[in-house]
Amino acid sequence: MDTTTPSKNLAAPSQKKPSDSAINKASSPQALSDAEVAQHLKKHPDFFEKHTDLLLSLRLSHPSGNAVSLIERQLQAYRERNSDIREKLSVLLANARENDRLFELSQRLTLSLIECTELGDAFDALNYSLNNEFNVKHFSIWVLNKKLESATTRYLSPNNFQKTLNARLESNKIAFSGITPAEINALFEPEEPIGSAALCIARHGSHPIAIIAVGHEDKDRYAPNGGTLFLRHLSELLSRVLARFL
């Protein structure tokens, strides 16, 4: 007769594996109730002092019937003014970045032209800078003195000056934005799609010796009375560089 005592099952009782949905539910953040938010704010009365930007997005209506309360209207005006200030600041920052870029390119062009000892090299450097660094798609270089003719310039005879162009050449100004269609036709090739253009004049003493014209397809790119800071700088620079070859 077998007197051996049956062995006890020592294995731990099996546990039920939680479902995927239960795991996801446990791991997902729970939305705070209004009471919990209110309790947090009571415990931290300085919350909005640390997060002042949130005040601009809060809305608190006042019991004033169908009318808009003065406080609400003032707050709305403040938000609109704040939005306008942010937009203007973004424009100013963009302009500052663009001015920094133009200054760096202008400095590079200045150094390149100063180092040129040959007339052709100077105009080659100018062509390269306008085309590849300033990314000006449409430009033309005209010289008014035969001593300055090169492979990349065109000679503009005094007999071919239009009256409108003469007025600019005789002016004390050295840069003009928003030149007329007649001037665009005279300074650019007919097949170029020029919507607007500007020009600067290099002088030797009181005599004009070169014209640099830049154009763009957009008719509003070079508006009349637009900014000419870079063109004025280019005029002064070329006036000094080209004088060495006369």
Protein backbone atom coordinates (compact mmCIF):
# COMPACT_ATOMS: atom_id res chain seq x y z
CA MET A 1 0.00 0.00 0.00
CA ASP A 2 1.41 3.38 -0.99
CA THR A 3 1.61 5.56 2.11
CA THR A 4 3.32 8.51 0.37
CA THR A 5 1.59 11.78 1.18
CA PRO A 6 0.55 13.63 -1.96
CA SER A 7 2.82 16.68 -2.53
CA LYS A 8 1.31 20.07 -2.17
CA ASN A 9 1.20 22.39 -5.15
CA LEU A 10 3.79 25.06 -4.24
CA ALA A 11 3.26 27.20 -7.34
CA ALA A 12 1.91 30.72 -6.72
CA PRO A 13 -1.67 31.24 -7.77
CA SER A 14 -1.94 32.67 -11.26
CA GLN A 15 -2.68 36.44 -11.55
CA LYS A 16 -4.93 37.94 -14.17
CA LYS A 17 -2.99 40.00 -16.73
CA PRO A 18 -4.34 43.54 -17.07
CA SER A 19 -5.82 44.37 -20.43
CA ASP A 20 -4.21 46.83 -22.86
CA SER A 21 -7.11 49.22 -22.44
CA ALA A 22 -6.58 49.26 -18.66
CA ILE A 23 -2.87 50.00 -19.15
CA ASN A 24 -3.60 52.83 -21.59
CA LYS A 25 -6.21 54.24 -19.25
CA ALA A 26 -3.77 54.18 -16.33
CA SER A 27 -0.98 55.82 -18.33
CA SER A 28 -3.06 58.53 -19.98
CA PRO A 29 -3.26 61.88 -18.13
CA GLN A 30 -6.48 62.54 -16.32
CA ALA A 31 -8.28 65.80 -17.02
CA LEU A 32 -8.44 68.09 -14.02
CA SER A 33 -11.83 69.01 -12.70
CA ASP A 34 -12.87 72.60 -12.05
CA ALA A 35 -12.64 71.95 -8.33
CA GLU A 36 -9.06 70.67 -8.64
CA VAL A 37 -8.02 73.70 -10.68
CA ALA A 38 -9.66 76.01 -8.14
CA GLN A 39 -7.94 74.20 -5.26
CA HIS A 40 -4.54 74.54 -6.99
CA LEU A 41 -5.05 78.27 -7.49
CA LYS A 42 -6.02 78.69 -3.84
CA LYS A 43 -2.81 76.97 -2.77
CA HIS A 44 -0.76 79.06 -5.19
CA PRO A 45 -2.14 82.63 -5.15
CA ASP A 46 0.94 83.88 -7.04
CA PHE A 47 0.32 81.53 -10.00
CA PHE A 48 -0.59 84.27 -12.48
CA GLU A 49 2.35 86.39 -11.37
CA LYS A 50 4.58 83.59 -12.65
CA HIS A 51 2.50 83.08 -15.79
CA THR A 52 1.45 86.58 -16.83
CA ASP A 53 1.13 85.53 -20.47
CA LEU A 54 -1.93 83.49 -19.53
CA LEU A 55 -3.77 86.63 -18.45
CA LEU A 56 -3.96 87.78 -22.08
CA SER A 57 -5.89 84.66 -23.05
CA LEU A 58 -8.36 84.70 -20.16
CA ARG A 59 -11.86 86.04 -20.60
CA LEU A 60 -13.99 87.21 -17.67
CA SER A 61 -17.46 88.45 -18.54
CA HIS A 62 -19.22 91.00 -16.39
CA PRO A 63 -22.97 90.95 -15.78
CA SER A 64 -24.00 93.91 -17.88
CA GLY A 65 -26.83 92.51 -19.97
CA ASN A 66 -26.44 92.88 -23.72
CA ALA A 67 -24.00 95.76 -23.29
CA VAL A 68 -20.23 95.25 -23.25
CA SER A 69 -18.67 96.37 -19.99
CA LEU A 70 -15.97 99.04 -19.99
CA ILE A 71 -13.47 96.60 -18.50
CA GLU A 72 -14.09 94.05 -21.25
CA ARG A 73 -13.75 96.70 -23.94
CA GLN A 74 -10.52 97.98 -22.43
CA LEU A 75 -9.14 94.46 -22.21
CA GLN A 76 -10.07 93.79 -25.83
CA ALA A 77 -8.34 97.01 -26.90
CA TYR A 78 -5.28 96.00 -24.90
CA ARG A 79 -5.16 92.61 -26.61
CA GLU A 80 -5.49 94.21 -30.06
CA ARG A 81 -2.76 96.75 -29.25
CA ASN A 82 -0.51 94.00 -27.94
CA SER A 83 -1.04 92.02 -31.16
CA ASP A 84 -0.18 95.09 -33.25
CA ILE A 85 2.98 95.69 -31.22
CA ARG A 86 4.07 92.08 -31.69
CA GLU A 87 3.48 92.32 -35.43
CA LYS A 88 5.42 95.57 -35.73
CA LEU A 89 8.24 94.08 -33.66
CA SER A 90 8.42 91.09 -35.99
CA VAL A 91 8.67 93.44 -38.98
CA LEU A 92 11.43 95.45 -37.28
CA LEU A 93 13.38 92.30 -36.48
CA ALA A 94 13.04 91.06 -40.06
CA ASN A 95 14.25 94.42 -41.38
CA ALA A 96 17.17 94.36 -38.97
CA ARG A 97 18.21 90.91 -40.16
CA GLU A 98 17.94 92.02 -43.78
CA ASN A 99 20.00 95.14 -43.07
CA ASP A 100 22.66 93.01 -41.41
CA ARG A 101 22.78 90.79 -44.49
CA LEU A 102 23.05 93.77 -46.85
CA PHE A 103 25.77 95.34 -44.72
CA GLU A 104 27.84 92.16 -44.81
CA LEU A 105 27.46 91.83 -48.60
CA SER A 106 28.23 95.52 -49.10
CA GLN A 107 31.38 95.19 -47.03
CA ARG A 108 32.46 92.19 -49.09
CA LEU A 109 31.84 94.05 -52.36
CA THR A 110 33.74 97.08 -51.08
CA LEU A 111 36.81 95.00 -50.26
CA SER A 112 36.64 93.25 -53.64
CA LEU A 113 36.51 96.52 -55.58
CA ILE A 114 39.28 98.13 -53.55
CA GLU A 115 41.60 95.23 -54.38
CA CYS A 116 40.98 95.47 -58.15
CA THR A 117 43.82 96.96 -60.16
CA GLU A 118 42.23 96.48 -63.59
CA LEU A 119 39.02 98.08 -64.85
CA GLY A 120 37.68 94.79 -66.19
CA ASP A 121 38.27 93.10 -62.83
CA ALA A 122 36.29 95.82 -61.06
CA PHE A 123 33.25 95.38 -63.30
CA ASP A 124 33.57 91.58 -63.08
CA ALA A 125 33.50 91.83 -59.27
CA LEU A 126 30.45 94.08 -59.43
CA ASN A 127 28.66 91.70 -61.81
CA TYR A 128 29.44 88.71 -59.62
CA SER A 129 28.26 90.43 -56.44
CA LEU A 130 24.96 91.65 -57.89
CA ASN A 131 24.20 88.36 -59.60
CA ASN A 132 25.40 85.76 -57.10
CA GLU A 133 25.41 87.46 -53.69
CA PHE A 134 22.70 90.11 -53.80
CA ASN A 135 20.66 87.83 -56.12
CA VAL A 136 19.60 90.69 -58.39
CA LYS A 137 18.08 88.96 -61.42
CA HIS A 138 17.89 92.06 -63.61
CA PHE A 139 20.57 94.74 -63.67
CA SER A 140 22.52 96.73 -66.24
CA ILE A 141 25.75 98.70 -66.08
CA TRP A 142 26.11 101.73 -68.34
CA VAL A 143 29.22 103.90 -68.66
CA LEU A 144 29.17 107.46 -69.90
CA ASN A 145 32.89 107.72 -70.57
CA LYS A 146 34.57 105.61 -73.26
CA LYS A 147 37.60 105.09 -71.05
CA LEU A 148 35.40 102.93 -68.80
CA GLU A 149 34.12 100.56 -71.49
CA SER A 150 34.65 96.86 -70.79
CA ALA A 151 33.21 93.48 -71.75
CA THR A 152 30.45 93.69 -69.13
CA THR A 153 29.38 97.31 -69.60
CA ARG A 154 27.44 99.24 -72.22
CA TYR A 155 28.30 102.71 -73.42
CA LEU A 156 25.55 105.29 -73.27
CA SER A 157 26.26 108.16 -75.60
CA PRO A 158 25.20 111.64 -74.44
CA ASN A 159 23.32 111.97 -77.72
CA ASN A 160 21.08 109.05 -76.67
CA PHE A 161 20.06 110.46 -73.30
CA GLN A 162 16.35 110.95 -72.93
CA LYS A 163 15.10 114.15 -71.36
CA THR A 164 13.87 112.28 -68.28
CA LEU A 165 17.25 110.60 -67.89
CA ASN A 166 19.01 113.91 -68.35
CA ALA A 167 16.98 115.35 -65.48
CA ARG A 168 18.25 112.61 -63.17
CA LEU A 169 21.86 112.97 -64.35
CA GLU A 170 21.76 116.71 -63.75
CA SER A 171 20.18 116.30 -60.32
CA ASN A 172 22.13 116.47 -57.07
CA LYS A 173 20.70 113.10 -56.07
CA ILE A 174 22.70 109.94 -56.74
CA ALA A 175 20.04 107.23 -56.28
CA PHE A 176 16.45 106.93 -57.44
CA SER A 177 13.76 104.32 -56.78
CA GLY A 178 10.66 103.82 -58.95
CA ILE A 179 12.00 105.13 -62.26
CA THR A 180 9.60 105.63 -65.17
CA PRO A 181 8.65 103.02 -67.80
CA ALA A 182 10.47 105.08 -70.43
CA GLU A 183 13.67 104.91 -68.39
CA ILE A 184 13.22 101.18 -67.84
CA ASN A 185 12.93 100.67 -71.59
CA ALA A 186 16.09 102.69 -72.17
CA LEU A 187 18.20 100.88 -69.54
CA PHE A 188 17.06 97.26 -69.86
CA GLU A 189 16.68 94.79 -72.71
CA PRO A 190 13.17 94.71 -74.23
CA GLU A 191 12.66 91.02 -73.40
CA GLU A 192 13.36 91.50 -69.68
CA PRO A 193 10.10 91.42 -67.62
CA ILE A 194 10.77 94.51 -65.54
CA GLY A 195 7.89 95.67 -63.36
CA SER A 196 9.83 98.28 -61.39
CA ALA A 197 13.40 99.51 -61.23
CA ALA A 198 15.84 101.80 -59.46
CA LEU A 199 19.19 103.31 -60.40
CA CYS A 200 22.25 104.98 -58.97
CA ILE A 201 24.75 107.31 -60.63
CA ALA A 202 28.52 107.29 -60.15
CA ARG A 203 30.19 110.66 -60.65
CA HIS A 204 33.69 111.95 -61.22
CA GLY A 205 33.56 115.40 -59.72
CA SER A 206 30.29 116.83 -61.01
CA HIS A 207 30.23 114.67 -64.16
CA PRO A 208 28.21 111.44 -64.27
CA ILE A 209 30.39 108.55 -65.42
CA ALA A 210 28.26 105.43 -64.85
CA ILE A 211 24.69 104.28 -64.23
CA ILE A 212 23.79 101.08 -62.37
CA ALA A 213 20.16 100.05 -62.86
CA VAL A 214 18.46 97.21 -60.93
CA GLY A 215 15.06 95.82 -61.79
CA HIS A 216 12.43 93.39 -60.52
CA GLU A 217 9.36 91.67 -61.96
CA ASP A 218 7.21 92.98 -59.09
CA LYS A 219 5.87 96.43 -59.90
CA ASP A 220 5.93 97.37 -56.21
CA ARG A 221 9.47 96.19 -55.44
CA TYR A 222 11.08 99.53 -56.28
CA ALA A 223 8.38 102.03 -55.43
CA PRO A 224 8.80 105.79 -55.95
CA ASN A 225 10.48 107.39 -52.94
CA GLY A 226 11.49 103.92 -51.75
CA GLY A 227 14.63 103.17 -49.77
CA THR A 228 17.94 103.68 -51.63
CA LEU A 229 20.50 103.13 -48.87
CA PHE A 230 22.41 100.39 -50.68
CA LEU A 231 22.29 102.23 -54.02
CA ARG A 232 23.67 105.39 -52.43
CA HIS A 233 26.50 103.38 -50.93
CA LEU A 234 27.16 101.73 -54.30
CA SER A 235 27.23 105.13 -56.02
CA GLU A 236 29.80 106.53 -53.58
CA LEU A 237 31.89 103.38 -53.83
CA LEU A 238 31.94 103.23 -57.64
CA SER A 239 32.64 106.95 -57.91
CA ARG A 240 35.90 106.44 -56.03
CA VAL A 241 36.89 103.14 -57.66
CA LEU A 242 36.21 104.18 -61.26
CA ALA A 243 37.99 107.51 -60.83
CA ARG A 244 41.27 105.59 -60.73
CA PHE A 245 40.79 104.50 -64.35
CA LEU A 246 40.10 107.93 -65.83
